[in-house]
Amino acid sequence: MVENLAELTEGESARILSFTDLEMSLKFLEMGCIPGEIITLERVAPFGDPIAISVAGYLLSMRKSEAATVVIKRLNASQNK
């Protein structure tokens, strides 16, 4: 089953696998969201949008529609590094 970043809940971590939107992928790559990078969903706005993720040592805010273009693999708690 393919999952995307928009499906994570607060505190969950995942590894970026790929992107489904070429234009958005270029923006993500420029911001440090590269395949293989571990990300954590840190915060969700009161109405569910936008979200804040930690990636490459900083917080990045994005819309859920943008997050839905990031293909991920969830990590178990023991895999978080």
PDB file of N, CA and C in Angstrom:
ATOM      1  N   MET A   1       0.846  -1.188   0.000  1.00  0.00           N
ATOM      2  CA  MET A   1       0.000   0.000   0.000  1.00  0.00           C
ATOM      3  C   MET A   1       0.887   1.246   0.000  1.00  0.00           C
ATOM      4  N   VAL A   2       0.649   2.127  -0.911  1.00  0.00           N
ATOM      5  CA  VAL A   2       1.406   3.375  -1.018  1.00  0.00           C
ATOM      6  C   VAL A   2       0.779   4.401  -0.078  1.00  0.00           C
ATOM      7  N   GLU A   3       1.640   5.013   0.747  1.00  0.00           N
ATOM      8  CA  GLU A   3       1.164   6.037   1.676  1.00  0.00           C
ATOM      9  C   GLU A   3       1.812   7.363   1.334  1.00  0.00           C
ATOM     10  N   ASN A   4       1.148   8.441   1.762  1.00  0.00           N
ATOM     11  CA  ASN A   4       1.736   9.754   1.526  1.00  0.00           C
ATOM     12  C   ASN A   4       1.838  10.529   2.831  1.00  0.00           C
ATOM     13  N   LEU A   5       2.593  11.584   2.810  1.00  0.00           N
ATOM     14  CA  LEU A   5       2.884  12.377   4.001  1.00  0.00           C
ATOM     15  C   LEU A   5       1.624  12.925   4.659  1.00  0.00           C
ATOM     16  N   ALA A   6       0.604  13.214   3.913  1.00  0.00           N
ATOM     17  CA  ALA A   6      -0.629  13.772   4.471  1.00  0.00           C
ATOM     18  C   ALA A   6      -1.354  12.776   5.376  1.00  0.00           C
ATOM     19  N   GLU A   7      -0.999  11.503   5.314  1.00  0.00           N
ATOM     20  CA  GLU A   7      -1.659  10.473   6.117  1.00  0.00           C
ATOM     21  C   GLU A   7      -1.031  10.270   7.494  1.00  0.00           C
ATOM     22  N   LEU A   8       0.115  10.878   7.754  1.00  0.00           N
ATOM     23  CA  LEU A   8       0.770  10.726   9.063  1.00  0.00           C
ATOM     24  C   LEU A   8      -0.026  11.449  10.145  1.00  0.00           C
ATOM     25  N   THR A   9       0.139  10.992  11.386  1.00  0.00           N
ATOM     26  CA  THR A   9      -0.437  11.682  12.528  1.00  0.00           C
ATOM     27  C   THR A   9       0.697  12.314  13.324  1.00  0.00           C
ATOM     28  N   GLU A  10       0.375  13.270  14.183  1.00  0.00           N
ATOM     29  CA  GLU A  10       1.394  13.980  14.950  1.00  0.00           C
ATOM     30  C   GLU A  10       2.319  13.017  15.672  1.00  0.00           C
ATOM     31  N   GLY A  11       3.611  13.268  15.550  1.00  0.00           N
ATOM     32  CA  GLY A  11       4.612  12.453  16.221  1.00  0.00           C
ATOM     33  C   GLY A  11       5.125  11.279  15.407  1.00  0.00           C
ATOM     34  N   GLU A  12       4.440  10.930  14.328  1.00  0.00           N
ATOM     35  CA  GLU A  12       4.879   9.809  13.496  1.00  0.00           C
ATOM     36  C   GLU A  12       6.032  10.226  12.594  1.00  0.00           C
ATOM     37  N   SER A  13       6.903   9.253  12.321  1.00  0.00           N
ATOM     38  CA  SER A  13       8.041   9.490  11.428  1.00  0.00           C
ATOM     39  C   SER A  13       7.951   8.579  10.214  1.00  0.00           C
ATOM     40  N   ALA A  14       8.601   9.009   9.157  1.00  0.00           N
ATOM     41  CA  ALA A  14       8.581   8.233   7.911  1.00  0.00           C
ATOM     42  C   ALA A  14       9.832   8.557   7.108  1.00  0.00           C
ATOM     43  N   ARG A  15      10.091   7.711   6.140  1.00  0.00           N
ATOM     44  CA  ARG A  15      11.196   7.934   5.205  1.00  0.00           C
ATOM     45  C   ARG A  15      10.592   8.341   3.867  1.00  0.00           C
ATOM     46  N   ILE A  16      11.125   9.383   3.256  1.00  0.00           N
ATOM     47  CA  ILE A  16      10.648   9.827   1.944  1.00  0.00           C
ATOM     48  C   ILE A  16      11.107   8.812   0.899  1.00  0.00           C
ATOM     49  N   LEU A  17      10.181   8.350   0.078  1.00  0.00           N
ATOM     50  CA  LEU A  17      10.504   7.406  -0.994  1.00  0.00           C
ATOM     51  C   LEU A  17      10.567   8.087  -2.352  1.00  0.00           C
ATOM     52  N   SER A  18       9.541   8.883  -2.666  1.00  0.00           N
ATOM     53  CA  SER A  18       9.481   9.537  -3.976  1.00  0.00           C
ATOM     54  C   SER A  18       8.399  10.612  -3.945  1.00  0.00           C
ATOM     55  N   PHE A  19       8.122  11.171  -5.116  1.00  0.00           N
ATOM     56  CA  PHE A  19       7.114  12.222  -5.258  1.00  0.00           C
ATOM     57  C   PHE A  19       6.196  11.879  -6.430  1.00  0.00           C
ATOM     58  N   THR A  20       4.964  12.358  -6.357  1.00  0.00           N
ATOM     59  CA  THR A  20       4.017  12.076  -7.435  1.00  0.00           C
ATOM     60  C   THR A  20       3.812  13.276  -8.356  1.00  0.00           C
ATOM     61  N   ASP A  21       4.334  14.441  -7.977  1.00  0.00           N
ATOM     62  CA  ASP A  21       4.149  15.657  -8.766  1.00  0.00           C
ATOM     63  C   ASP A  21       5.526  16.244  -9.069  1.00  0.00           C
ATOM     64  N   LEU A  22       5.883  16.305 -10.327  1.00  0.00           N
ATOM     65  CA  LEU A  22       7.209  16.771 -10.722  1.00  0.00           C
ATOM     66  C   LEU A  22       7.484  18.200 -10.269  1.00  0.00           C
ATOM     67  N   GLU A  23       6.548  19.108 -10.487  1.00  0.00           N
ATOM     68  CA  GLU A  23       6.745  20.509 -10.117  1.00  0.00           C
ATOM     69  C   GLU A  23       6.945  20.657  -8.603  1.00  0.00           C
ATOM     70  N   MET A  24       6.100  19.978  -7.814  1.00  0.00           N
ATOM     71  CA  MET A  24       6.234  20.040  -6.357  1.00  0.00           C
ATOM     72  C   MET A  24       7.517  19.357  -5.903  1.00  0.00           C
ATOM     73  N   SER A  25       7.916  18.298  -6.580  1.00  0.00           N
ATOM     74  CA  SER A  25       9.124  17.580  -6.156  1.00  0.00           C
ATOM     75  C   SER A  25      10.356  18.476  -6.236  1.00  0.00           C
ATOM     76  N   LEU A  26      10.422  19.338  -7.230  1.00  0.00           N
ATOM     77  CA  LEU A  26      11.553  20.263  -7.344  1.00  0.00           C
ATOM     78  C   LEU A  26      11.598  21.216  -6.152  1.00  0.00           C
ATOM     79  N   LYS A  27      10.431  21.702  -5.729  1.00  0.00           N
ATOM     80  CA  LYS A  27      10.371  22.581  -4.561  1.00  0.00           C
ATOM     81  C   LYS A  27      10.801  21.835  -3.303  1.00  0.00           C
ATOM     82  N   PHE A  28      10.317  20.602  -3.149  1.00  0.00           N
ATOM     83  CA  PHE A  28      10.684  19.810  -1.974  1.00  0.00           C
ATOM     84  C   PHE A  28      12.176  19.513  -1.945  1.00  0.00           C
ATOM     85  N   LEU A  29      12.744  19.167  -3.089  1.00  0.00           N
ATOM     86  CA  LEU A  29      14.173  18.880  -3.154  1.00  0.00           C
ATOM     87  C   LEU A  29      14.996  20.097  -2.742  1.00  0.00           C
ATOM     88  N   GLU A  30      14.575  21.276  -3.173  1.00  0.00           N
ATOM     89  CA  GLU A  30      15.273  22.512  -2.812  1.00  0.00           C
ATOM     90  C   GLU A  30      15.213  22.781  -1.312  1.00  0.00           C
ATOM     91  N   MET A  31      14.169  22.257  -0.643  1.00  0.00           N
ATOM     92  CA  MET A  31      13.995  22.478   0.795  1.00  0.00           C
ATOM     93  C   MET A  31      14.571  21.345   1.641  1.00  0.00           C
ATOM     94  N   GLY A  32      15.262  20.410   1.023  1.00  0.00           N
ATOM     95  CA  GLY A  32      15.898  19.342   1.782  1.00  0.00           C
ATOM     96  C   GLY A  32      15.095  18.074   1.915  1.00  0.00           C
ATOM     97  N   CYS A  33      13.933  18.029   1.302  1.00  0.00           N
ATOM     98  CA  CYS A  33      13.112  16.813   1.335  1.00  0.00           C
ATOM     99  C   CYS A  33      13.552  15.910   0.188  1.00  0.00           C
ATOM    100  N   ILE A  34      14.553  15.104   0.451  1.00  0.00           N
ATOM    101  CA  ILE A  34      15.093  14.237  -0.595  1.00  0.00           C
ATOM    102  C   ILE A  34      14.766  12.787  -0.273  1.00  0.00           C
ATOM    103  N   PRO A  35      14.617  11.935  -1.280  1.00  0.00           N
ATOM    104  CA  PRO A  35      14.349  10.526  -1.013  1.00  0.00           C
ATOM    105  C   PRO A  35      15.408   9.941  -0.084  1.00  0.00           C
ATOM    106  N   GLY A  36      14.928   9.193   0.902  1.00  0.00           N
ATOM    107  CA  GLY A  36      15.799   8.597   1.906  1.00  0.00           C
ATOM    108  C   GLY A  36      15.827   9.387   3.201  1.00  0.00           C
ATOM    109  N   GLU A  37      15.429  10.656   3.159  1.00  0.00           N
ATOM    110  CA  GLU A  37      15.434  11.513   4.351  1.00  0.00           C
ATOM    111  C   GLU A  37      14.310  11.103   5.298  1.00  0.00           C
ATOM    112  N   ILE A  38      14.600  11.107   6.604  1.00  0.00           N
ATOM    113  CA  ILE A  38      13.576  10.801   7.609  1.00  0.00           C
ATOM    114  C   ILE A  38      12.901  12.102   8.013  1.00  0.00           C
ATOM    115  N   ILE A  39      11.571  12.066   8.056  1.00  0.00           N
ATOM    116  CA  ILE A  39      10.777  13.235   8.419  1.00  0.00           C
ATOM    117  C   ILE A  39       9.845  12.859   9.561  1.00  0.00           C
ATOM    118  N   THR A  40       9.459  13.848  10.354  1.00  0.00           N
ATOM    119  CA  THR A  40       8.527  13.638  11.461  1.00  0.00           C
ATOM    120  C   THR A  40       7.443  14.695  11.385  1.00  0.00           C
ATOM    121  N   LEU A  41       6.201  14.276  11.516  1.00  0.00           N
ATOM    122  CA  LEU A  41       5.093  15.234  11.558  1.00  0.00           C
ATOM    123  C   LEU A  41       5.057  15.826  12.963  1.00  0.00           C
ATOM    124  N   GLU A  42       5.385  17.092  13.078  1.00  0.00           N
ATOM    125  CA  GLU A  42       5.500  17.758  14.377  1.00  0.00           C
ATOM    126  C   GLU A  42       4.197  18.393  14.842  1.00  0.00           C
ATOM    127  N   ARG A  43       3.528  19.106  13.938  1.00  0.00           N
ATOM    128  CA  ARG A  43       2.322  19.841  14.326  1.00  0.00           C
ATOM    129  C   ARG A  43       1.289  19.844  13.208  1.00  0.00           C
ATOM    130  N   VAL A  44       0.030  19.927  13.639  1.00  0.00           N
ATOM    131  CA  VAL A  44      -1.079  20.063  12.697  1.00  0.00           C
ATOM    132  C   VAL A  44      -1.900  21.258  13.160  1.00  0.00           C
ATOM    133  N   ALA A  45      -2.231  22.149  12.254  1.00  0.00           N
ATOM    134  CA  ALA A  45      -3.034  23.328  12.588  1.00  0.00           C
ATOM    135  C   ALA A  45      -4.403  22.899  13.116  1.00  0.00           C
ATOM    136  N   PRO A  46      -5.067  23.761  13.891  1.00  0.00           N
ATOM    137  CA  PRO A  46      -6.346  23.407  14.507  1.00  0.00           C
ATOM    138  C   PRO A  46      -7.401  22.828  13.545  1.00  0.00           C
ATOM    139  N   PHE A  47      -7.453  23.316  12.326  1.00  0.00           N
ATOM    140  CA  PHE A  47      -8.432  22.795  11.372  1.00  0.00           C
ATOM    141  C   PHE A  47      -7.824  21.762  10.423  1.00  0.00           C
ATOM    142  N   GLY A  48      -6.605  21.286  10.742  1.00  0.00           N
ATOM    143  CA  GLY A  48      -5.987  20.204   9.982  1.00  0.00           C
ATOM    144  C   GLY A  48      -5.076  20.636   8.846  1.00  0.00           C
ATOM    145  N   ASP A  49      -5.004  21.919   8.562  1.00  0.00           N
ATOM    146  CA  ASP A  49      -4.201  22.395   7.444  1.00  0.00           C
ATOM    147  C   ASP A  49      -3.726  23.805   7.752  1.00  0.00           C
ATOM    148  N   PRO A  50      -2.459  24.110   7.679  1.00  0.00           N
ATOM    149  CA  PRO A  50      -1.328  23.326   7.189  1.00  0.00           C
ATOM    150  C   PRO A  50      -0.758  22.404   8.264  1.00  0.00           C
ATOM    151  N   ILE A  51       0.327  21.708   7.897  1.00  0.00           N
ATOM    152  CA  ILE A  51       1.047  20.845   8.817  1.00  0.00           C
ATOM    153  C   ILE A  51       2.501  21.312   8.883  1.00  0.00           C
ATOM    154  N   ALA A  52       3.204  20.922   9.948  1.00  0.00           N
ATOM    155  CA  ALA A  52       4.624  21.245  10.084  1.00  0.00           C
ATOM    156  C   ALA A  52       5.389  19.945  10.273  1.00  0.00           C
ATOM    157  N   ILE A  53       6.426  19.753   9.460  1.00  0.00           N
ATOM    158  CA  ILE A  53       7.260  18.558   9.575  1.00  0.00           C
ATOM    159  C   ILE A  53       8.688  18.976   9.901  1.00  0.00           C
ATOM    160  N   SER A  54       9.388  18.081  10.599  1.00  0.00           N
ATOM    161  CA  SER A  54      10.824  18.331  10.784  1.00  0.00           C
ATOM    162  C   SER A  54      11.560  17.503   9.744  1.00  0.00           C
ATOM    163  N   VAL A  55      12.493  18.170   9.081  1.00  0.00           N
ATOM    164  CA  VAL A  55      13.282  17.531   8.028  1.00  0.00           C
ATOM    165  C   VAL A  55      14.628  18.235   7.972  1.00  0.00           C
ATOM    166  N   ALA A  56      15.678  17.485   7.906  1.00  0.00           N
ATOM    167  CA  ALA A  56      17.035  18.033   7.762  1.00  0.00           C
ATOM    168  C   ALA A  56      17.365  19.082   8.823  1.00  0.00           C
ATOM    169  N   GLY A  57      16.824  18.891  10.037  1.00  0.00           N
ATOM    170  CA  GLY A  57      17.166  19.780  11.141  1.00  0.00           C
ATOM    171  C   GLY A  57      16.342  21.052  11.271  1.00  0.00           C
ATOM    172  N   TYR A  58      15.285  21.189  10.505  1.00  0.00           N
ATOM    173  CA  TYR A  58      14.447  22.380  10.647  1.00  0.00           C
ATOM    174  C   TYR A  58      12.976  22.026  10.440  1.00  0.00           C
ATOM    175  N   LEU A  59      12.082  22.962  10.799  1.00  0.00           N
ATOM    176  CA  LEU A  59      10.642  22.773  10.602  1.00  0.00           C
ATOM    177  C   LEU A  59      10.220  23.364   9.268  1.00  0.00           C
ATOM    178  N   LEU A  60       9.387  22.622   8.564  1.00  0.00           N
ATOM    179  CA  LEU A  60       8.885  23.047   7.264  1.00  0.00           C
ATOM    180  C   LEU A  60       7.367  22.954   7.306  1.00  0.00           C
ATOM    181  N   SER A  61       6.706  24.033   6.959  1.00  0.00           N
ATOM    182  CA  SER A  61       5.252  24.067   6.935  1.00  0.00           C
ATOM    183  C   SER A  61       4.770  23.892   5.503  1.00  0.00           C
ATOM    184  N   MET A  62       3.687  23.129   5.348  1.00  0.00           N
ATOM    185  CA  MET A  62       3.124  22.905   4.011  1.00  0.00           C
ATOM    186  C   MET A  62       1.636  22.583   4.102  1.00  0.00           C
ATOM    187  N   ARG A  63       0.966  22.762   2.990  1.00  0.00           N
ATOM    188  CA  ARG A  63      -0.444  22.389   2.899  1.00  0.00           C
ATOM    189  C   ARG A  63      -0.565  20.869   2.797  1.00  0.00           C
ATOM    190  N   LYS A  64      -1.703  20.347   3.242  1.00  0.00           N
ATOM    191  CA  LYS A  64      -1.917  18.902   3.133  1.00  0.00           C
ATOM    192  C   LYS A  64      -1.955  18.460   1.678  1.00  0.00           C
ATOM    193  N   SER A  65      -2.441  19.296   0.791  1.00  0.00           N
ATOM    194  CA  SER A  65      -2.472  18.936  -0.633  1.00  0.00           C
ATOM    195  C   SER A  65      -1.063  18.775  -1.180  1.00  0.00           C
ATOM    196  N   GLU A  66      -0.127  19.580  -0.679  1.00  0.00           N
ATOM    197  CA  GLU A  66       1.274  19.438  -1.080  1.00  0.00           C
ATOM    198  C   GLU A  66       1.870  18.170  -0.468  1.00  0.00           C
ATOM    199  N   ALA A  67       1.565  17.933   0.803  1.00  0.00           N
ATOM    200  CA  ALA A  67       2.077  16.750   1.501  1.00  0.00           C
ATOM    201  C   ALA A  67       1.599  15.457   0.843  1.00  0.00           C
ATOM    202  N   ALA A  68       0.432  15.492   0.228  1.00  0.00           N
ATOM    203  CA  ALA A  68      -0.119  14.296  -0.420  1.00  0.00           C
ATOM    204  C   ALA A  68       0.703  13.866  -1.627  1.00  0.00           C
ATOM    205  N   THR A  69       1.609  14.715  -2.106  1.00  0.00           N
ATOM    206  CA  THR A  69       2.437  14.359  -3.264  1.00  0.00           C
ATOM    207  C   THR A  69       3.756  13.695  -2.858  1.00  0.00           C
ATOM    208  N   VAL A  70       3.980  13.541  -1.541  1.00  0.00           N
ATOM    209  CA  VAL A  70       5.209  12.929  -1.029  1.00  0.00           C
ATOM    210  C   VAL A  70       4.913  11.487  -0.628  1.00  0.00           C
ATOM    211  N   VAL A  71       5.502  10.534  -1.342  1.00  0.00           N
ATOM    212  CA  VAL A  71       5.313   9.109  -1.056  1.00  0.00           C
ATOM    213  C   VAL A  71       6.278   8.726   0.058  1.00  0.00           C
ATOM    214  N   ILE A  72       5.739   8.057   1.097  1.00  0.00           N
ATOM    215  CA  ILE A  72       6.544   7.744   2.281  1.00  0.00           C
ATOM    216  C   ILE A  72       6.433   6.278   2.680  1.00  0.00           C
ATOM    217  N   LYS A  73       7.317   5.880   3.581  1.00  0.00           N
ATOM    218  CA  LYS A  73       7.214   4.595   4.266  1.00  0.00           C
ATOM    219  C   LYS A  73       7.303   4.899   5.749  1.00  0.00           C
ATOM    220  N   ARG A  74       6.232   4.576   6.487  1.00  0.00           N
ATOM    221  CA  ARG A  74       6.222   4.838   7.921  1.00  0.00           C
ATOM    222  C   ARG A  74       7.325   4.055   8.621  1.00  0.00           C
ATOM    223  N   LEU A  75       7.849   4.645   9.683  1.00  0.00           N
ATOM    224  CA  LEU A  75       8.880   3.994  10.476  1.00  0.00           C
ATOM    225  C   LEU A  75       8.305   3.557  11.798  1.00  0.00           C
ATOM    226  N   ASN A  76       8.750   2.426  12.304  1.00  0.00           N
ATOM    227  CA  ASN A  76       8.412   1.998  13.657  1.00  0.00           C
ATOM    228  C   ASN A  76       9.170   2.894  14.608  1.00  0.00           C
ATOM    229  N   ALA A  77       8.719   2.976  15.857  1.00  0.00           N
ATOM    230  CA  ALA A  77       9.402   3.806  16.843  1.00  0.00           C
ATOM    231  C   ALA A  77      10.861   3.418  16.985  1.00  0.00           C
ATOM    232  N   SER A  78      11.181   2.138  16.836  1.00  0.00           N
ATOM    233  CA  SER A  78      12.573   1.669  16.976  1.00  0.00           C
ATOM    234  C   SER A  78      13.440   2.077  15.785  1.00  0.00           C
ATOM    235  N   GLN A  79      12.831   2.483  14.670  1.00  0.00           N
ATOM    236  CA  GLN A  79      13.581   2.882  13.477  1.00  0.00           C
ATOM    237  C   GLN A  79      13.895   4.364  13.441  1.00  0.00           C
ATOM    238  N   ASN A  80      13.250   5.165  14.327  1.00  0.00           N
ATOM    239  CA  ASN A  80      13.496   6.609  14.326  1.00  0.00           C
ATOM    240  C   ASN A  80      14.924   6.871  14.772  1.00  0.00           C
ATOM    241  N   LYS A  81      15.639   7.659  14.004  1.00  0.00           N
ATOM    242  CA  LYS A  81      17.022   7.995  14.350  1.00  0.00           C
ATOM    243  C   LYS A  81      17.207   9.482  14.345  1.00  0.00           C
TER     244      LYS A  81
END
